[in-house]
C-alpha atoms as a PDB file:
ATOM      1  CA  MET A   1      -0.087  -0.082   0.101  1.00  0.00           C
ATOM      2  CA  ILE A   2       2.835   2.243   0.905  1.00  0.00           C
ATOM      3  CA  THR A   3       4.548   1.481  -2.390  1.00  0.00           C
ATOM      4  CA  GLU A   4       1.773   2.347  -4.400  1.00  0.00           C
ATOM      5  CA  PHE A   5       1.101   5.548  -2.817  1.00  0.00           C
ATOM      6  CA  LEU A   6       4.775   6.630  -3.274  1.00  0.00           C
ATOM      7  CA  SER A   7       4.727   5.635  -6.885  1.00  0.00           C
ATOM      8  CA  LEU A   8       1.690   7.714  -7.216  1.00  0.00           C
ATOM      9  CA  LEU A   9       3.067  10.614  -5.515  1.00  0.00           C
ATOM     10  CA  CYS A  10       6.228  10.457  -7.750  1.00  0.00           C
ATOM     11  CA  LEU A  11       4.161  10.355 -10.966  1.00  0.00           C
ATOM     12  CA  GLY A  12       2.102  13.222  -9.858  1.00  0.00           C
ATOM     13  CA  LEU A  13       5.452  15.239  -9.043  1.00  0.00           C
ATOM     14  CA  SER A  14       6.989  14.280 -12.366  1.00  0.00           C
ATOM     15  CA  MET A  15       3.718  15.269 -14.402  1.00  0.00           C
ATOM     16  CA  GLY A  16       3.413  18.559 -12.431  1.00  0.00           C
ATOM     17  CA  PHE A  17       7.147  19.232 -13.379  1.00  0.00           C
ATOM     18  CA  GLU A  18       6.516  18.530 -17.039  1.00  0.00           C
ATOM     19  CA  ASP A  19       3.427  20.825 -16.851  1.00  0.00           C
ATOM     20  CA  GLU A  20       5.592  23.611 -15.259  1.00  0.00           C
ATOM     21  CA  LYS A  21       8.060  23.095 -18.126  1.00  0.00           C
ATOM     22  CA  LYS A  22       5.350  23.437 -20.723  1.00  0.00           C
ATOM     23  CA  ASN A  23       3.814  26.519 -19.090  1.00  0.00           C
ATOM     24  CA  GLU A  24       7.120  28.044 -18.983  1.00  0.00           C
ATOM     25  CA  THR A  25       7.010  30.298 -22.154  1.00  0.00           C
ATOM     26  CA  LEU A  26      10.211  31.969 -23.764  1.00  0.00           C
ATOM     27  CA  THR A  27       9.121  35.339 -24.981  1.00  0.00           C
ATOM     28  CA  LYS A  28      10.596  36.596 -28.221  1.00  0.00           C
ATOM     29  CA  PRO A  29      13.749  38.761 -28.090  1.00  0.00           C
ATOM     30  CA  TYR A  30      14.567  41.949 -29.434  1.00  0.00           C
ATOM     31  CA  LEU A  31      17.601  42.388 -31.871  1.00  0.00           C
ATOM     32  CA  SER A  32      18.960  45.779 -32.746  1.00  0.00           C
ATOM     33  CA  ALA A  33      22.226  47.151 -34.731  1.00  0.00           C
ATOM     34  CA  LEU A  34      24.529  49.638 -33.283  1.00  0.00           C
ATOM     35  CA  PRO A  35      25.255  52.300 -34.349  1.00  0.00           C
ATOM     36  CA  SER A  36      23.095  51.496 -37.619  1.00  0.00           C
ATOM     37  CA  PRO A  37      21.903  48.500 -39.814  1.00  0.00           C
ATOM     38  CA  VAL A  38      23.498  50.197 -42.789  1.00  0.00           C
ATOM     39  CA  VAL A  39      27.558  50.109 -42.682  1.00  0.00           C
ATOM     40  CA  GLU A  40      30.010  50.912 -45.007  1.00  0.00           C
ATOM     41  CA  TRP A  41      32.480  48.530 -46.762  1.00  0.00           C
ATOM     42  CA  GLY A  42      35.092  47.567 -44.212  1.00  0.00           C
ATOM     43  CA  GLY A  43      33.106  49.055 -41.318  1.00  0.00           C
ATOM     44  CA  ASN A  44      32.105  47.359 -37.934  1.00  0.00           C
ATOM     45  CA  VAL A  45      28.490  46.868 -36.475  1.00  0.00           C
ATOM     46  CA  THR A  46      27.227  45.266 -32.996  1.00  0.00           C
ATOM     47  CA  LEU A  47      23.975  43.235 -33.189  1.00  0.00           C
ATOM     48  CA  ARG A  48      22.580  43.266 -29.531  1.00  0.00           C
ATOM     49  CA  CYS A  49      20.141  40.789 -28.778  1.00  0.00           C
ATOM     50  CA  GLN A  50      17.960  41.497 -25.694  1.00  0.00           C
ATOM     51  CA  GLY A  51      16.016  38.853 -23.837  1.00  0.00           C
ATOM     52  CA  HIS A  52      13.859  38.466 -20.547  1.00  0.00           C
ATOM     53  CA  PHE A  53      15.442  35.948 -18.465  1.00  0.00           C
ATOM     54  CA  GLN A  54      19.127  36.046 -16.961  1.00  0.00           C
ATOM     55  CA  ASN A  55      21.584  33.355 -17.254  1.00  0.00           C
ATOM     56  CA  VAL A  56      20.730  32.317 -20.704  1.00  0.00           C
ATOM     57  CA  THR A  57      22.326  31.285 -23.905  1.00  0.00           C
ATOM     58  CA  PHE A  58      21.923  33.568 -26.856  1.00  0.00           C
ATOM     59  CA  MET A  59      22.229  32.680 -30.740  1.00  0.00           C
ATOM     60  CA  LEU A  60      22.756  34.640 -33.475  1.00  0.00           C
ATOM     61  CA  GLY A  61      21.627  33.470 -37.249  1.00  0.00           C
ATOM     62  CA  LYS A  62      21.251  34.530 -40.733  1.00  0.00           C
ATOM     63  CA  LEU A  63      18.194  33.632 -42.604  1.00  0.00           C
ATOM     64  CA  GLN A  64      20.155  33.222 -46.004  1.00  0.00           C
ATOM     65  CA  ASP A  65      22.821  31.050 -44.330  1.00  0.00           C
ATOM     66  CA  SER A  66      21.386  28.167 -42.347  1.00  0.00           C
ATOM     67  CA  GLY A  67      25.128  27.186 -41.631  1.00  0.00           C
ATOM     68  CA  TYR A  68      25.784  30.779 -39.819  1.00  0.00           C
ATOM     69  CA  ARG A  69      25.449  30.449 -36.069  1.00  0.00           C
ATOM     70  CA  GLU A  70      27.072  32.326 -33.218  1.00  0.00           C
ATOM     71  CA  GLU A  71      26.175  31.457 -29.449  1.00  0.00           C
ATOM     72  CA  GLN A  72      27.052  33.534 -26.480  1.00  0.00           C
ATOM     73  CA  ARG A  73      26.470  32.769 -22.658  1.00  0.00           C
ATOM     74  CA  SER A  74      25.291  35.794 -21.008  1.00  0.00           C
ATOM     75  CA  ALA A  75      24.857  36.247 -17.132  1.00  0.00           C
ATOM     76  CA  GLY A  76      22.319  39.248 -18.026  1.00  0.00           C
ATOM     77  CA  HIS A  77      19.511  40.042 -20.317  1.00  0.00           C
ATOM     78  CA  THR A  78      21.531  40.855 -23.393  1.00  0.00           C
ATOM     79  CA  ALA A  79      24.338  39.527 -25.360  1.00  0.00           C
ATOM     80  CA  GLU A  80      26.410  41.648 -28.070  1.00  0.00           C
ATOM     81  CA  PHE A  81      27.691  40.039 -31.349  1.00  0.00           C
ATOM     82  CA  PHE A  82      30.596  41.990 -32.905  1.00  0.00           C
ATOM     83  CA  LEU A  83      30.796  41.869 -36.700  1.00  0.00           C
ATOM     84  CA  THR A  84      33.906  43.449 -38.089  1.00  0.00           C
ATOM     85  CA  ASN A  85      35.447  44.262 -41.426  1.00  0.00           C
ATOM     86  CA  LEU A  86      32.265  43.879 -43.057  1.00  0.00           C
ATOM     87  CA  GLU A  87      31.829  43.234 -47.002  1.00  0.00           C
ATOM     88  CA  PRO A  88      28.904  43.221 -49.129  1.00  0.00           C
ATOM     89  CA  LYS A  89      28.535  39.381 -48.769  1.00  0.00           C
ATOM     90  CA  ASP A  90      27.891  40.137 -45.160  1.00  0.00           C
ATOM     91  CA  SER A  91      24.405  41.775 -45.834  1.00  0.00           C
ATOM     92  CA  GLY A  92      21.283  39.765 -45.246  1.00  0.00           C
ATOM     93  CA  THR A  93      18.623  39.143 -42.859  1.00  0.00           C
ATOM     94  CA  TYR A  94      19.720  38.338 -39.051  1.00  0.00           C
ATOM     95  CA  PHE A  95      17.643  37.092 -36.143  1.00  0.00           C
ATOM     96  CA  CYS A  96      18.451  35.995 -32.719  1.00  0.00           C
ATOM     97  CA  ALA A  97      16.844  33.642 -30.098  1.00  0.00           C
ATOM     98  CA  TYR A  98      17.958  32.289 -26.602  1.00  0.00           C
ATOM     99  CA  LYS A  99      17.505  29.334 -24.196  1.00  0.00           C
ATOM    100  CA  THR A 100      17.253  28.923 -20.436  1.00  0.00           C
ATOM    101  CA  MET A 101      19.133  26.127 -18.340  1.00  0.00           C
ATOM    102  CA  ALA A 102      15.743  24.701 -17.577  1.00  0.00           C
ATOM    103  CA  SER A 103      14.059  24.658 -20.964  1.00  0.00           C
ATOM    104  CA  GLN A 104      16.979  23.796 -23.165  1.00  0.00           C
ATOM    105  CA  GLU A 105      14.797  24.714 -26.101  1.00  0.00           C
ATOM    106  CA  TRP A 106      15.309  28.051 -28.139  1.00  0.00           C
ATOM    107  CA  SER A 107      12.884  30.677 -27.854  1.00  0.00           C
ATOM    108  CA  GLU A 108      10.962  32.060 -30.759  1.00  0.00           C
ATOM    109  CA  GLN A 109      12.911  33.960 -33.155  1.00  0.00           C
ATOM    110  CA  SER A 110      13.273  37.865 -32.704  1.00  0.00           C
ATOM    111  CA  GLU A 111      12.034  40.012 -35.465  1.00  0.00           C
ATOM    112  CA  HIS A 112      14.247  39.776 -38.429  1.00  0.00           C
ATOM    113  CA  LEU A 113      17.005  42.525 -38.925  1.00  0.00           C
ATOM    114  CA  GLN A 114      18.068  43.525 -42.367  1.00  0.00           C
ATOM    115  CA  LEU A 115      21.856  44.587 -42.432  1.00  0.00           C
ATOM    116  CA  GLU A 116      23.182  46.351 -45.570  1.00  0.00           C
ATOM    117  CA  VAL A 117      26.787  46.729 -46.213  1.00  0.00           C
ATOM    118  CA  THR A 118      27.270  49.415 -48.934  1.00  0.00           C
ATOM    119  CA  ASP A 119      30.052  49.195 -51.564  1.00  0.00           C
ATOM    120  CA  ASP A 120      30.852  52.911 -51.937  1.00  0.00           C
ATOM    121  CA  ARG A 121      34.437  52.832 -51.153  1.00  0.00           C
ATOM    122  CA  GLY A 122      35.325  54.755 -54.655  1.00  0.00           C
ATOM    123  CA  LYS A 123      32.635  57.558 -53.735  1.00  0.00           C
ATOM    124  CA  HIS A 124      34.336  58.542 -50.516  1.00  0.00           C
ATOM    125  CA  ARG A 125      38.038  57.997 -51.182  1.00  0.00           C
ATOM    126  CA  ALA A 126      39.994  60.351 -53.221  1.00  0.00           C
ATOM    127  CA  PRO A 127      42.249  59.164 -55.798  1.00  0.00           C
ATOM    128  CA  PRO A 128      46.033  59.122 -55.054  1.00  0.00           C
ATOM    129  CA  ALA A 129      47.916  62.446 -55.939  1.00  0.00           C
ATOM    130  CA  GLY A 130      50.189  60.679 -58.388  1.00  0.00           C
ATOM    131  CA  LYS A 131      47.555  58.923 -60.331  1.00  0.00           C
ATOM    132  CA  ALA A 132      45.459  62.229 -60.355  1.00  0.00           C
ATOM    133  CA  SER A 133      48.260  64.321 -61.800  1.00  0.00           C
ATOM    134  CA  GLY A 134      49.123  61.496 -64.300  1.00  0.00           C
ATOM    135  CA  SER A 135      45.444  61.487 -65.525  1.00  0.00           C
ATOM    136  CA  VAL A 136      45.403  65.161 -65.897  1.00  0.00           C
ATOM    137  CA  ILE A 137      48.636  65.058 -68.025  1.00  0.00           C
ATOM    138  CA  ALA A 138      47.499  62.454 -70.165  1.00  0.00           C
ATOM    139  CA  ALA A 139      43.977  64.200 -70.846  1.00  0.00           C
ATOM    140  CA  THR A 140      45.937  67.542 -71.490  1.00  0.00           C
ATOM    141  CA  CYS A 141      48.203  65.887 -74.000  1.00  0.00           C
ATOM    142  CA  SER A 142      45.370  64.189 -75.614  1.00  0.00           C
ATOM    143  CA  CYS A 143      43.425  67.450 -75.928  1.00  0.00           C
ATOM    144  CA  LEU A 144      46.715  69.130 -77.558  1.00  0.00           C
ATOM    145  CA  SER A 145      47.167  66.331 -80.045  1.00  0.00           C
ATOM    146  CA  ILE A 146      43.814  66.755 -81.332  1.00  0.00           C
ATOM    147  CA  VAL A 147      43.825  70.584 -81.752  1.00  0.00           C
ATOM    148  CA  ILE A 148      47.384  70.280 -83.399  1.00  0.00           C
ATOM    149  CA  LEU A 149      45.878  67.700 -85.663  1.00  0.00           C
ATOM    150  CA  PHE A 150      42.902  69.701 -86.711  1.00  0.00           C
ATOM    151  CA  LEU A 151      45.068  72.944 -87.225  1.00  0.00           C
ATOM    152  CA  SER A 152      47.456  70.922 -89.657  1.00  0.00           C
ATOM    153  CA  ILE A 153      44.466  69.600 -91.641  1.00  0.00           C
ATOM    154  CA  PHE A 154      42.954  73.213 -91.824  1.00  0.00           C
ATOM    155  CA  PHE A 155      46.415  74.643 -92.945  1.00  0.00           C
ATOM    156  CA  ILE A 156      47.044  72.022 -95.479  1.00  0.00           C
ATOM    157  CA  ASN A 157      43.748  72.505 -97.153  1.00  0.00           C
ATOM    158  CA  ARG A 158      44.142  76.106 -96.985  1.00  0.00           C
ATOM    159  CA  CYS A 159      47.530  75.898 -98.747  1.00  0.00           C
ATOM    160  CA  THR A 160      46.173  73.425-101.366  1.00  0.00           C
ATOM    161  CA  GLN A 161      43.359  75.862-102.239  1.00  0.00           C
ATOM    162  CA  ASP A 162      45.693  78.704-102.680  1.00  0.00           C
ATOM    163  CA  GLY A 163      48.123  76.779-104.925  1.00  0.00           C
ATOM    164  CA  SER A 164      45.409  75.464-107.248  1.00  0.00           C
ATOM    165  CA  SER A 165      43.877  79.231-107.285  1.00  0.00           C
ATOM    166  CA  HIS A 166      47.281  80.428-108.379  1.00  0.00           C
ATOM    167  CA  GLU A 167      47.926  77.747-111.113  1.00  0.00           C
ATOM    168  CA  GLU A 168      44.448  78.499-112.539  1.00  0.00           C
ATOM    169  CA  SER A 169      45.080  82.197-112.690  1.00  0.00           C
ATOM    170  CA  THR A 170      48.640  81.446-114.372  1.00  0.00           C
ATOM    171  CA  LYS A 171      47.070  79.417-116.921  1.00  0.00           C
ATOM    172  CA  ARG A 172      44.498  82.128-117.563  1.00  0.00           C
ATOM    173  CA  THR A 173      47.137  84.976-117.996  1.00  0.00           C
ATOM    174  CA  SER A 174      49.302  82.660-120.313  1.00  0.00           C
ATOM    175  CA  HIS A 175      46.292  81.859-122.358  1.00  0.00           C
ATOM    176  CA  SER A 176      45.258  85.561-122.736  1.00  0.00           C
ATOM    177  CA  ILE A 177      48.714  86.637-123.771  1.00  0.00           C
ATOM    178  CA  VAL A 178      49.382  83.983-126.593  1.00  0.00           C
ATOM    179  CA  PRO A 179      46.136  85.276-128.704  1.00  0.00           C
ATOM    180  CA  GLN A 180      47.494  88.803-127.968  1.00  0.00           C
ATOM    181  CA  GLN A 181      50.884  88.068-129.321  1.00  0.00           C
ATOM    182  CA  GLU A 182      49.365  86.168-132.264  1.00  0.00           C
ATOM    183  CA  ALA A 183      47.065  88.906-133.191  1.00  0.00           C
ATOM    184  CA  SER A 184      50.054  91.480-133.014  1.00  0.00           C
ATOM    185  CA  GLU A 185      52.420  89.297-134.895  1.00  0.00           C
ATOM    186  CA  SER A 186      50.152  88.558-137.781  1.00  0.00           C
ATOM    187  CA  PRO A 187      50.003  92.112-139.475  1.00  0.00           C
ATOM    188  CA  GLU A 188      53.706  91.928-139.618  1.00  0.00           C
ATOM    189  CA  LEU A 189      53.814  88.601-141.265  1.00  0.00           C
ATOM    190  CA  GLU A 190      51.231  89.524-143.887  1.00  0.00           C
ATOM    191  CA  ARG A 191      53.275  92.590-144.793  1.00  0.00           C
ATOM    192  CA  ILE A 192      56.448  90.523-145.049  1.00  0.00           C
ATOM    193  CA  SER A 193      54.518  88.056-147.324  1.00  0.00           C
ATOM    194  CA  VAL A 194      53.366  90.851-149.522  1.00  0.00           C
ATOM    195  CA  LEU A 195      56.732  92.376-149.915  1.00  0.00           C
ATOM    196  CA  ALA A 196      58.162  89.036-150.709  1.00  0.00           C
ATOM    197  CA  GLU A 197      55.638  88.490-153.322  1.00  0.00           C
ATOM    198  CA  ARG A 198      56.292  91.936-155.230  1.00  0.00           C
ATOM    199  CA  PRO A 199      58.797  91.779-158.329  1.00  0.00           C
ATOM    200  CA  PRO A 200      62.028  93.810-157.842  1.00  0.00           C
ATOM    201  CA  GLY A 201      61.922  97.308-158.838  1.00  0.00           C
ATOM    202  CA  SER A 202      58.380  97.851-157.989  1.00  0.00           C
ATOM    203  CA  GLU A 203      57.485 100.324-155.177  1.00  0.00           C
ATOM    204  CA  PRO A 204      55.006  99.843-152.547  1.00  0.00           C
ATOM    205  CA  CYS A 205      51.761 101.868-152.679  1.00  0.00           C
END
Protein backbone atom coordinates (compact mmCIF):
# COMPACT_ATOMS: atom_id res chain seq x y z
CA MET A 1 0.00 0.00 0.00
CA ILE A 2 2.75 2.40 0.92
CA THR A 3 4.67 1.45 -2.22
CA GLU A 4 1.71 2.24 -4.45
CA PHE A 5 1.21 5.57 -2.69
CA LEU A 6 4.85 6.56 -3.21
CA SER A 7 4.64 5.59 -6.87
CA LEU A 8 1.58 7.72 -7.40
CA LEU A 9 3.22 10.60 -5.56
CA CYS A 10 6.32 10.45 -7.74
CA LEU A 11 4.18 10.23 -10.89
CA GLY A 12 2.18 13.24 -9.84
CA LEU A 13 5.29 15.27 -9.07
CA SER A 14 6.86 14.37 -12.41
CA MET A 15 3.70 15.28 -14.29
CA GLY A 16 3.51 18.57 -12.41
CA PHE A 17 7.12 19.31 -13.31
CA GLU A 18 6.42 18.58 -16.96
CA ASP A 19 3.38 20.84 -16.88
CA GLU A 20 5.48 23.56 -15.29
CA LYS A 21 8.04 23.24 -18.06
CA LYS A 22 5.31 23.42 -20.69
CA ASN A 23 3.81 26.46 -19.02
CA GLU A 24 7.21 28.19 -19.06
CA THR A 25 7.09 30.34 -22.22
CA LEU A 26 10.17 32.09 -23.57
CA THR A 27 9.10 35.42 -24.95
CA LYS A 28 10.50 36.70 -28.22
CA PRO A 29 13.83 38.58 -27.87
CA TYR A 30 14.64 41.92 -29.51
CA LEU A 31 17.51 42.37 -31.98
CA SER A 32 19.05 45.77 -32.79
CA ALA A 33 22.09 47.05 -34.72
CA LEU A 34 24.51 49.63 -33.30
CA PRO A 35 25.20 52.23 -34.49
CA SER A 36 23.16 51.52 -37.64
CA PRO A 37 21.99 48.59 -39.79
CA VAL A 38 23.60 50.31 -42.80
CA VAL A 39 27.38 49.91 -42.74
CA GLU A 40 30.09 50.96 -45.20
CA TRP A 41 32.50 48.44 -46.71
CA GLY A 42 35.14 47.54 -44.10
CA GLY A 43 33.07 48.95 -41.22
CA ASN A 44 31.94 47.34 -37.96
CA VAL A 45 28.55 46.80 -36.36
CA THR A 46 27.26 45.41 -33.08
CA LEU A 47 24.14 43.24 -33.11
CA ARG A 48 22.53 43.30 -29.66
CA CYS A 49 20.05 40.59 -28.64
CA GLN A 50 17.92 41.38 -25.60
CA GLY A 51 15.81 38.78 -23.80
CA HIS A 52 13.68 38.62 -20.66
CA PHE A 53 15.65 36.12 -18.56
CA GLN A 54 19.09 36.05 -16.96
CA ASN A 55 21.71 33.33 -17.22
CA VAL A 56 20.70 32.29 -20.72
CA THR A 57 22.47 31.36 -23.92
CA PHE A 58 21.90 33.67 -26.88
CA MET A 59 22.16 32.63 -30.51
CA LEU A 60 22.62 34.80 -33.61
CA GLY A 61 21.59 33.39 -36.99
CA LYS A 62 21.31 34.49 -40.61
CA LEU A 63 18.26 33.77 -42.71
CA GLN A 64 20.17 33.32 -45.98
CA ASP A 65 22.78 30.99 -44.43
CA SER A 66 21.49 28.06 -42.39
CA GLY A 67 25.03 27.17 -41.34
CA TYR A 68 25.71 30.58 -39.83
CA ARG A 69 25.32 30.51 -36.04
CA GLU A 70 27.02 32.29 -33.16
CA GLU A 71 26.25 31.47 -29.53
CA GLN A 72 27.09 33.48 -26.44
CA ARG A 73 26.47 32.76 -22.78
CA SER A 74 25.27 35.78 -20.78
CA ALA A 75 24.61 36.32 -17.07
CA GLY A 76 22.36 39.28 -17.89
CA HIS A 77 19.46 39.99 -20.17
CA THR A 78 21.48 40.92 -23.28
CA ALA A 79 24.27 39.64 -25.49
CA GLU A 80 26.29 41.59 -28.06
CA PHE A 81 27.69 40.09 -31.25
CA PHE A 82 30.52 42.10 -32.86
CA LEU A 83 30.79 41.93 -36.67
CA THR A 84 33.99 43.53 -38.00
CA ASN A 85 35.54 44.35 -41.38
CA LEU A 86 32.24 43.83 -43.17
CA GLU A 87 31.86 43.21 -46.90
CA PRO A 88 28.78 43.23 -49.17
CA LYS A 89 28.55 39.45 -48.81
CA ASP A 90 27.81 40.00 -45.09
CA SER A 91 24.59 41.79 -45.96
CA GLY A 92 21.44 39.85 -45.15
CA THR A 93 18.63 39.16 -42.69
CA TYR A 94 19.72 38.37 -39.13
CA PHE A 95 17.74 37.10 -36.12
CA CYS A 96 18.45 35.97 -32.57
CA ALA A 97 16.99 33.56 -29.99
CA TYR A 98 17.86 32.32 -26.49
CA LYS A 99 17.39 29.33 -24.21
CA THR A 100 17.46 28.88 -20.45
CA MET A 101 19.14 26.20 -18.39
CA ALA A 102 15.76 24.71 -17.50
CA SER A 103 14.13 24.63 -20.95
CA GLN A 104 17.11 23.76 -23.17
CA GLU A 105 14.91 24.78 -26.09
CA TRP A 106 15.34 27.89 -28.16
CA SER A 107 12.85 30.66 -27.83
CA GLU A 108 10.91 32.10 -30.68
CA GLN A 109 13.08 34.02 -33.13
CA SER A 110 13.30 37.77 -32.82
CA GLU A 111 12.01 40.12 -35.48
CA HIS A 112 14.29 39.93 -38.51
CA LEU A 113 16.93 42.63 -38.89
CA GLN A 114 18.11 43.62 -42.38
CA LEU A 115 21.82 44.43 -42.41
CA GLU A 116 23.16 46.28 -45.46
CA VAL A 117 26.84 46.72 -46.31
CA THR A 118 27.27 49.41 -48.96
CA ASP A 119 29.92 49.23 -51.68
CA ASP A 120 30.81 52.94 -51.89
CA ARG A 121 34.55 52.85 -51.36
CA GLY A 122 35.28 54.77 -54.58
CA LYS A 123 32.74 57.50 -53.83
CA HIS A 124 34.33 58.67 -50.57
CA ARG A 125 37.99 58.00 -51.21
CA ALA A 126 39.97 60.50 -53.27
CA PRO A 127 42.40 58.99 -55.79
CA PRO A 128 46.12 59.17 -54.97
CA ALA A 129 47.89 62.40 -55.95
CA GLY A 130 50.25 60.69 -58.39
CA LYS A 131 47.43 58.96 -60.26
CA ALA A 132 45.35 62.14 -60.36
CA SER A 133 48.19 64.25 -61.79
CA GLY A 134 49.03 61.54 -64.33
CA SER A 135 45.42 61.47 -65.51
CA VAL A 136 45.36 65.25 -65.89
CA ILE A 137 48.59 65.24 -67.91
CA ALA A 138 47.34 62.47 -70.17
CA ALA A 139 44.05 64.28 -70.79
CA THR A 140 45.88 67.55 -71.54
CA CYS A 141 48.23 65.85 -74.02
CA SER A 142 45.30 64.21 -75.78
CA CYS A 143 43.49 67.52 -76.16
CA LEU A 144 46.61 69.25 -77.49
CA SER A 145 47.18 66.44 -79.99
CA ILE A 146 43.63 66.77 -81.29
CA VAL A 147 43.95 70.57 -81.62
CA ILE A 148 47.27 70.29 -83.47
CA LEU A 149 45.80 67.68 -85.82
CA PHE A 150 42.84 69.91 -86.70
CA LEU A 151 45.12 72.93 -87.26
CA SER A 152 47.41 70.88 -89.51
CA ILE A 153 44.47 69.69 -91.61
CA PHE A 154 43.15 73.25 -91.86
CA PHE A 155 46.48 74.73 -93.04
CA ILE A 156 47.06 71.89 -95.52
CA ASN A 157 43.65 72.48 -97.09
CA ARG A 158 44.27 76.21 -97.13
CA CYS A 159 47.63 75.84 -98.85
CA THR A 160 46.19 73.38 -101.36
CA GLN A 161 43.38 75.78 -102.27
CA ASP A 162 45.81 78.73 -102.63
CA GLY A 163 48.12 76.68 -104.88
CA SER A 164 45.31 75.53 -107.15
CA SER A 165 43.87 79.06 -107.47
CA HIS A 166 47.34 80.47 -108.28
CA GLU A 167 47.89 77.79 -110.94
CA GLU A 168 44.51 78.52 -112.52
CA SER A 169 45.21 82.26 -112.61
CA THR A 170 48.62 81.59 -114.24
CA LYS A 171 47.00 79.41 -116.89
CA ARG A 172 44.39 82.08 -117.60
CA THR A 173 47.12 84.73 -117.96
CA SER A 174 49.21 82.62 -120.34
CA HIS A 175 46.16 81.83 -122.50
CA SER A 176 45.26 85.50 -122.76
CA ILE A 177 48.84 86.56 -123.68
CA VAL A 178 49.25 84.04 -126.51
CA PRO A 179 46.29 85.26 -128.61
CA GLN A 180 47.43 88.87 -128.16
CA GLN A 181 50.89 87.99 -129.34
CA GLU A 182 49.50 86.10 -132.32
CA ALA A 183 47.23 89.04 -133.16
CA SER A 184 50.10 91.55 -132.98
CA GLU A 185 52.43 89.40 -135.05
CA SER A 186 49.94 88.55 -137.84
CA PRO A 187 50.02 92.03 -139.62
CA GLU A 188 53.81 91.96 -139.70
CA LEU A 189 53.75 88.50 -141.19
CA GLU A 190 51.23 89.57 -143.84
CA ARG A 191 53.35 92.64 -144.76
CA ILE A 192 56.46 90.55 -145.09
CA SER A 193 54.63 88.04 -147.25
CA VAL A 194 53.30 90.84 -149.54
CA LEU A 195 56.74 92.41 -149.96
CA ALA A 196 58.17 89.04 -150.75
CA GLU A 197 55.63 88.47 -153.53
CA ARG A 198 56.28 91.82 -155.35
CA PRO A 199 58.79 91.82 -158.24
CA PRO A 200 62.01 93.70 -157.85
CA GLY A 201 61.90 97.39 -158.78
CA SER A 202 58.25 97.94 -157.98
CA GLU A 203 57.50 100.40 -155.25
CA PRO A 204 55.01 99.94 -152.64
CA CYS A 205 51.72 101.75 -152.83
